Amino acid sequence: MKFHLVQTSLTWEDINANLENLAKILVSLNDGIVVLPEMFTTGFSMSSAELSQEMSGESMQWMRDIAQQQQITLCGSMIIHDKDQFYNRFVWATPNGQIETYDKRHLFRMAGEHLHYAAGKHRKVISVDGLKVMPQICYDLRFPAWSRNDSDYDVLLYVANWPTSRRDHWRALLRARAIENQCYVVAVNRIGIDGNDVSYMGDSCVINYQGEIIVEMGAIEGIQSIELDIPARQDYRSGFPAHLDADDISFEGP
């Protein structure tokens, strides 16, 4: 399965500008799973009431249209209003119109995210052509119990607005999640400076099940594509079955 990592700057709190820019960036893609950053329509904004859209709104329709027209699976997170709550919601849109979602579980209190959004309650694993993908959003990266691989996924997928000031944390934690879960990690972060003068370094990457970085984008805007070798991951996990000795810390949620 091919993944396309889209690393780009975002226009602060301007949904139309971001959708127009991304449409131009994505026009050359016609296969695989295309991964956009966290809150790709707005940047990491706490203006949830002002910027949110319904699941039937313009941004969702844009995702459906791009996925269908270009025959890609398109994913990333955005601000969604659903049942009187606001969510930082990961959306997965397939060419045939299937929609999967995951709501960010761990809200970044240092920016007040927990005051403006509701936390997700359920982990999610998405199956596509025999591949199993578990989506996570930014701050979720710091909480390994939430991403524990119970032999139920091949790829741990992160979308983020992770700042330059904590770049070393990003790189170290992504490698740790790959090693401890014996999975591929695909991680997409934004670049540029947002409306709060927060700088983002990018460093979108792909890491294999042994913690080796096999794609690294640095701070350059663009798309990097890679086809993952899932049988190789399965062979490694069978030959080094550390998961059989894992502690029982299964998380059932509230």
Protein backbone atom coordinates (compact mmCIF):
# COMPACT_ATOMS: atom_id res chain seq x y z
CA MET A 1 0.00 0.00 0.00
CA LYS A 2 1.39 3.39 -1.00
CA PHE A 3 1.31 6.38 1.35
CA HIS A 4 1.76 9.98 0.23
CA LEU A 5 2.87 12.41 2.98
CA VAL A 6 1.76 16.00 2.31
CA GLN A 7 3.88 18.49 4.23
CA THR A 8 2.74 22.09 3.80
CA SER A 9 2.18 25.41 5.50
CA LEU A 10 -1.38 26.36 6.44
CA THR A 11 -3.15 29.69 6.13
CA TRP A 12 -4.34 30.73 9.58
CA GLU A 13 -8.08 30.18 10.12
CA ASP A 14 -8.88 30.45 6.39
CA ILE A 15 -10.70 27.31 5.29
CA ASN A 16 -11.18 28.34 1.66
CA ALA A 17 -7.55 29.35 1.18
CA ASN A 18 -6.32 26.04 2.59
CA LEU A 19 -8.68 23.93 0.50
CA GLU A 20 -7.70 25.82 -2.66
CA ASN A 21 -4.00 25.42 -1.94
CA LEU A 22 -4.29 21.73 -1.10
CA ALA A 23 -6.32 21.03 -4.24
CA LYS A 24 -3.41 22.38 -6.30
CA ILE A 25 -0.86 20.33 -4.34
CA LEU A 26 -2.86 17.10 -4.65
CA VAL A 27 -3.71 17.32 -8.34
CA SER A 28 -0.85 15.01 -9.39
CA LEU A 29 -1.88 12.13 -7.10
CA ASN A 30 -4.05 9.30 -8.36
CA ASP A 31 -3.52 6.34 -6.03
CA GLY A 32 -2.85 5.27 -2.46
CA ILE A 33 -3.42 6.93 0.91
CA VAL A 34 -2.83 10.69 1.00
CA VAL A 35 -2.11 12.09 4.47
CA LEU A 36 -2.70 15.77 5.38
CA PRO A 37 -1.67 17.45 8.66
CA GLU A 38 -3.78 18.01 11.77
CA MET A 39 -6.44 20.75 11.36
CA PHE A 40 -5.47 21.12 7.71
CA THR A 41 -8.30 23.58 7.01
CA THR A 42 -7.46 26.11 9.74
CA GLY A 43 -4.20 25.50 11.57
CA PHE A 44 -4.22 24.59 15.27
CA SER A 45 -6.94 27.03 16.31
CA MET A 46 -8.98 27.18 19.50
CA SER A 47 -11.78 29.06 17.70
CA SER A 48 -13.87 25.90 17.54
CA ALA A 49 -17.29 27.59 17.58
CA GLU A 50 -16.37 30.02 14.80
CA LEU A 51 -14.52 27.60 12.50
CA SER A 52 -16.27 24.26 12.96
CA GLN A 53 -18.29 22.58 10.24
CA GLU A 54 -20.79 19.75 10.27
CA MET A 55 -19.98 16.37 8.77
CA SER A 56 -22.18 17.46 5.88
CA GLY A 57 -20.25 20.71 5.44
CA GLU A 58 -18.00 22.17 2.76
CA SER A 59 -14.73 20.63 3.95
CA MET A 60 -16.18 17.13 4.13
CA GLN A 61 -17.64 17.51 0.65
CA TRP A 62 -14.25 18.70 -0.59
CA MET A 63 -12.64 15.55 0.83
CA ARG A 64 -15.27 13.33 -0.77
CA ASP A 65 -14.88 15.06 -4.14
CA ILE A 66 -11.08 14.92 -4.20
CA ALA A 67 -11.04 11.27 -3.11
CA GLN A 68 -13.54 10.28 -5.79
CA GLN A 69 -12.13 12.39 -8.62
CA GLN A 70 -8.52 11.32 -8.08
CA GLN A 71 -9.21 7.79 -6.83
CA ILE A 72 -7.27 8.28 -3.61
CA THR A 73 -7.94 7.74 0.06
CA LEU A 74 -7.63 11.18 1.65
CA CYS A 75 -7.16 11.75 5.37
CA GLY A 76 -6.30 14.40 7.95
CA SER A 77 -8.00 16.17 10.86
CA MET A 78 -10.27 19.21 11.02
CA ILE A 79 -12.68 21.00 13.37
CA ILE A 80 -16.07 19.28 13.41
CA HIS A 81 -19.32 20.17 15.18
CA ASP A 82 -21.28 17.05 16.04
CA LYS A 83 -24.15 16.61 18.53
CA ASP A 84 -23.52 19.88 20.38
CA GLN A 85 -19.80 19.15 20.77
CA PHE A 86 -16.68 20.31 18.95
CA TYR A 87 -14.05 17.74 17.98
CA ASN A 88 -10.57 17.68 16.53
CA ARG A 89 -11.62 14.88 14.20
CA PHE A 90 -9.49 12.71 11.94
CA VAL A 91 -11.41 11.90 8.76
CA TRP A 92 -10.62 9.11 6.30
CA ALA A 93 -12.39 9.44 2.92
CA THR A 94 -12.15 6.68 0.31
CA PRO A 95 -12.75 6.83 -3.46
CA ASN A 96 -15.99 4.86 -3.10
CA GLY A 97 -17.44 7.33 -0.57
CA GLN A 98 -16.68 5.43 2.65
CA ILE A 99 -15.97 7.71 5.63
CA GLU A 100 -14.14 6.66 8.82
CA THR A 101 -13.46 8.98 11.76
CA TYR A 102 -11.39 9.17 14.93
CA ASP A 103 -11.74 11.94 17.55
CA LYS A 104 -8.53 13.11 19.23
CA ARG A 105 -8.34 11.50 22.65
CA HIS A 106 -5.62 13.56 24.35
CA LEU A 107 -6.31 17.29 24.15
CA PHE A 108 -3.33 19.65 24.47
CA ARG A 109 -4.14 21.50 27.69
CA MET A 110 -1.08 23.75 27.41
CA ALA A 111 -2.89 25.49 24.53
CA GLY A 112 -6.34 25.17 26.15
CA GLU A 113 -7.53 22.56 23.66
CA HIS A 114 -9.42 20.74 26.43
CA LEU A 115 -11.48 23.91 26.99
CA HIS A 116 -12.66 24.15 23.38
CA TYR A 117 -12.99 20.54 22.24
CA ALA A 118 -14.45 17.29 23.53
CA ALA A 119 -12.11 14.33 23.92
CA GLY A 120 -12.62 11.21 21.87
CA LYS A 121 -13.57 8.03 23.71
CA HIS A 122 -12.67 5.24 21.31
CA ARG A 123 -9.55 4.04 19.54
CA LYS A 124 -9.94 3.28 15.85
CA VAL A 125 -8.41 0.76 13.47
CA ILE A 126 -9.20 1.14 9.78
CA SER A 127 -8.89 -1.77 7.34
CA VAL A 128 -8.03 -1.17 3.69
CA ASP A 129 -7.05 -3.91 1.22
CA GLY A 130 -5.78 -6.15 3.99
CA LEU A 131 -3.81 -3.34 5.65
CA LYS A 132 -4.79 -2.17 9.14
CA VAL A 133 -4.14 1.45 10.08
CA MET A 134 -4.56 3.09 13.50
CA PRO A 135 -4.93 6.90 13.31
CA GLN A 136 -3.75 9.20 16.09
CA ILE A 137 -3.56 13.00 16.38
CA CYS A 138 -0.54 15.00 17.58
CA TYR A 139 -0.55 15.02 21.44
CA ASP A 140 -1.79 11.40 21.41
CA LEU A 141 1.84 10.56 20.58
CA ARG A 142 2.85 11.08 24.22
CA PHE A 143 0.54 8.36 25.58
CA PRO A 144 1.77 4.86 24.65
CA ALA A 145 -1.03 2.94 26.37
CA TRP A 146 -3.52 4.50 23.93
CA SER A 147 -1.54 3.26 20.92
CA ARG A 148 -0.68 -0.22 22.28
CA ASN A 149 -0.65 -2.68 19.40
CA ASP A 150 -2.84 -5.60 20.43
CA SER A 151 -1.83 -7.38 17.21
CA ASP A 152 -4.62 -5.43 15.52
CA TYR A 153 -2.77 -2.98 13.22
CA ASP A 154 0.20 -2.69 10.84
CA VAL A 155 0.59 1.09 10.63
CA LEU A 156 0.37 3.77 13.31
CA LEU A 157 -0.61 7.00 11.55
CA TYR A 158 -0.03 10.43 13.13
CA VAL A 159 -1.22 13.79 11.84
CA ALA A 160 0.09 16.80 13.73
CA ASN A 161 0.79 20.47 14.29
CA TRP A 162 3.93 19.76 16.35
CA PRO A 163 6.06 22.84 17.11
CA THR A 164 9.73 23.37 16.38
CA SER A 165 10.42 23.96 20.08
CA ARG A 166 9.72 20.28 20.82
CA ARG A 167 11.26 18.81 17.69
CA ASP A 168 13.46 16.35 19.59
CA HIS A 169 10.39 14.98 21.42
CA TRP A 170 8.62 14.38 18.09
CA ARG A 171 11.47 12.41 16.62
CA ALA A 172 12.20 10.36 19.75
CA LEU A 173 8.58 9.48 20.50
CA LEU A 174 7.80 8.43 16.93
CA ARG A 175 10.73 6.01 16.93
CA ALA A 176 9.68 4.67 20.33
CA ARG A 177 6.12 4.00 19.14
CA ALA A 178 7.44 2.12 16.08
CA ILE A 179 9.84 -0.02 18.11
CA GLU A 180 7.51 -0.89 20.98
CA ASN A 181 4.57 -1.70 18.69
CA GLN A 182 6.65 -3.40 15.98
CA CYS A 183 4.79 -1.45 13.34
CA TYR A 184 5.35 1.15 10.67
CA VAL A 185 4.81 4.74 11.81
CA VAL A 186 3.67 7.29 9.22
CA ALA A 187 3.75 10.84 10.62
CA VAL A 188 2.71 14.06 8.88
CA ASN A 189 3.39 17.47 10.43
CA ARG A 190 2.93 20.98 9.04
CA ILE A 191 5.55 23.65 8.38
CA GLY A 192 5.44 27.45 8.66
CA ILE A 193 4.28 29.84 11.39
CA ASP A 194 0.69 30.04 12.63
CA GLY A 195 -1.44 32.94 13.85
CA ASN A 196 -0.06 32.57 17.37
CA ASP A 197 3.53 32.93 16.09
CA VAL A 198 4.20 29.24 16.75
CA SER A 199 6.81 27.77 14.39
CA TYR A 200 6.50 24.27 12.91
CA MET A 201 9.47 22.34 11.59
CA GLY A 202 7.78 19.62 9.57
CA ASP A 203 9.94 16.51 10.00
CA SER A 204 7.20 14.38 8.50
CA CYS A 205 8.57 10.87 8.23
CA VAL A 206 8.06 7.14 7.90
CA ILE A 207 9.71 4.81 10.42
CA ASN A 208 9.83 1.04 10.12
CA TYR A 209 9.12 -1.62 12.73
CA GLN A 210 12.77 -1.59 13.90
CA GLY A 211 12.80 2.15 14.49
CA GLU A 212 14.70 2.98 11.31
CA ILE A 213 13.74 6.23 9.56
CA ILE A 214 13.06 5.36 5.93
CA VAL A 215 11.48 8.66 4.82
CA GLU A 216 12.44 12.04 6.27
CA MET A 217 11.14 15.33 4.86
CA GLY A 218 12.92 17.93 6.98
CA ALA A 219 11.36 21.39 6.64
CA ILE A 220 10.69 21.30 2.89
CA GLU A 221 7.18 21.76 1.51
CA GLY A 222 6.09 18.93 -0.74
CA ILE A 223 4.95 15.33 -1.07
CA GLN A 224 6.93 12.19 -0.27
CA SER A 225 5.59 8.81 -1.35
CA ILE A 226 6.46 5.32 -0.15
CA GLU A 227 5.08 1.80 -0.54
CA LEU A 228 5.23 -0.14 2.72
CA ASP A 229 6.42 -3.75 2.86
CA ILE A 230 3.81 -5.25 5.17
CA PRO A 231 4.94 -8.92 4.78
CA ALA A 232 8.42 -7.87 5.99
CA ARG A 233 6.87 -6.33 9.10
CA GLN A 234 4.88 -9.48 9.76
CA ASP A 235 7.98 -11.66 9.35
CA TYR A 236 9.93 -9.49 11.79
CA ARG A 237 7.15 -9.59 14.37
CA SER A 238 6.91 -13.39 14.05
CA GLY A 239 10.67 -13.80 14.41
CA PHE A 240 10.96 -11.41 17.38
CA PRO A 241 7.60 -11.82 19.18
CA ALA A 242 8.17 -9.39 22.06
CA HIS A 243 4.45 -8.64 22.08
CA LEU A 244 3.82 -12.05 23.64
CA ASP A 245 5.49 -10.82 26.83
CA ALA A 246 3.65 -7.49 27.03
CA ASP A 247 1.95 -6.45 30.26
CA ASP A 248 -1.83 -6.53 30.29
CA ILE A 249 -2.75 -2.84 30.24
CA SER A 250 -5.65 -3.06 27.82
CA PHE A 251 -7.56 0.22 27.65
CA GLU A 252 -11.32 -0.01 27.43
CA GLY A 253 -12.10 3.70 27.72
CA PRO A 254 -14.91 5.38 29.66
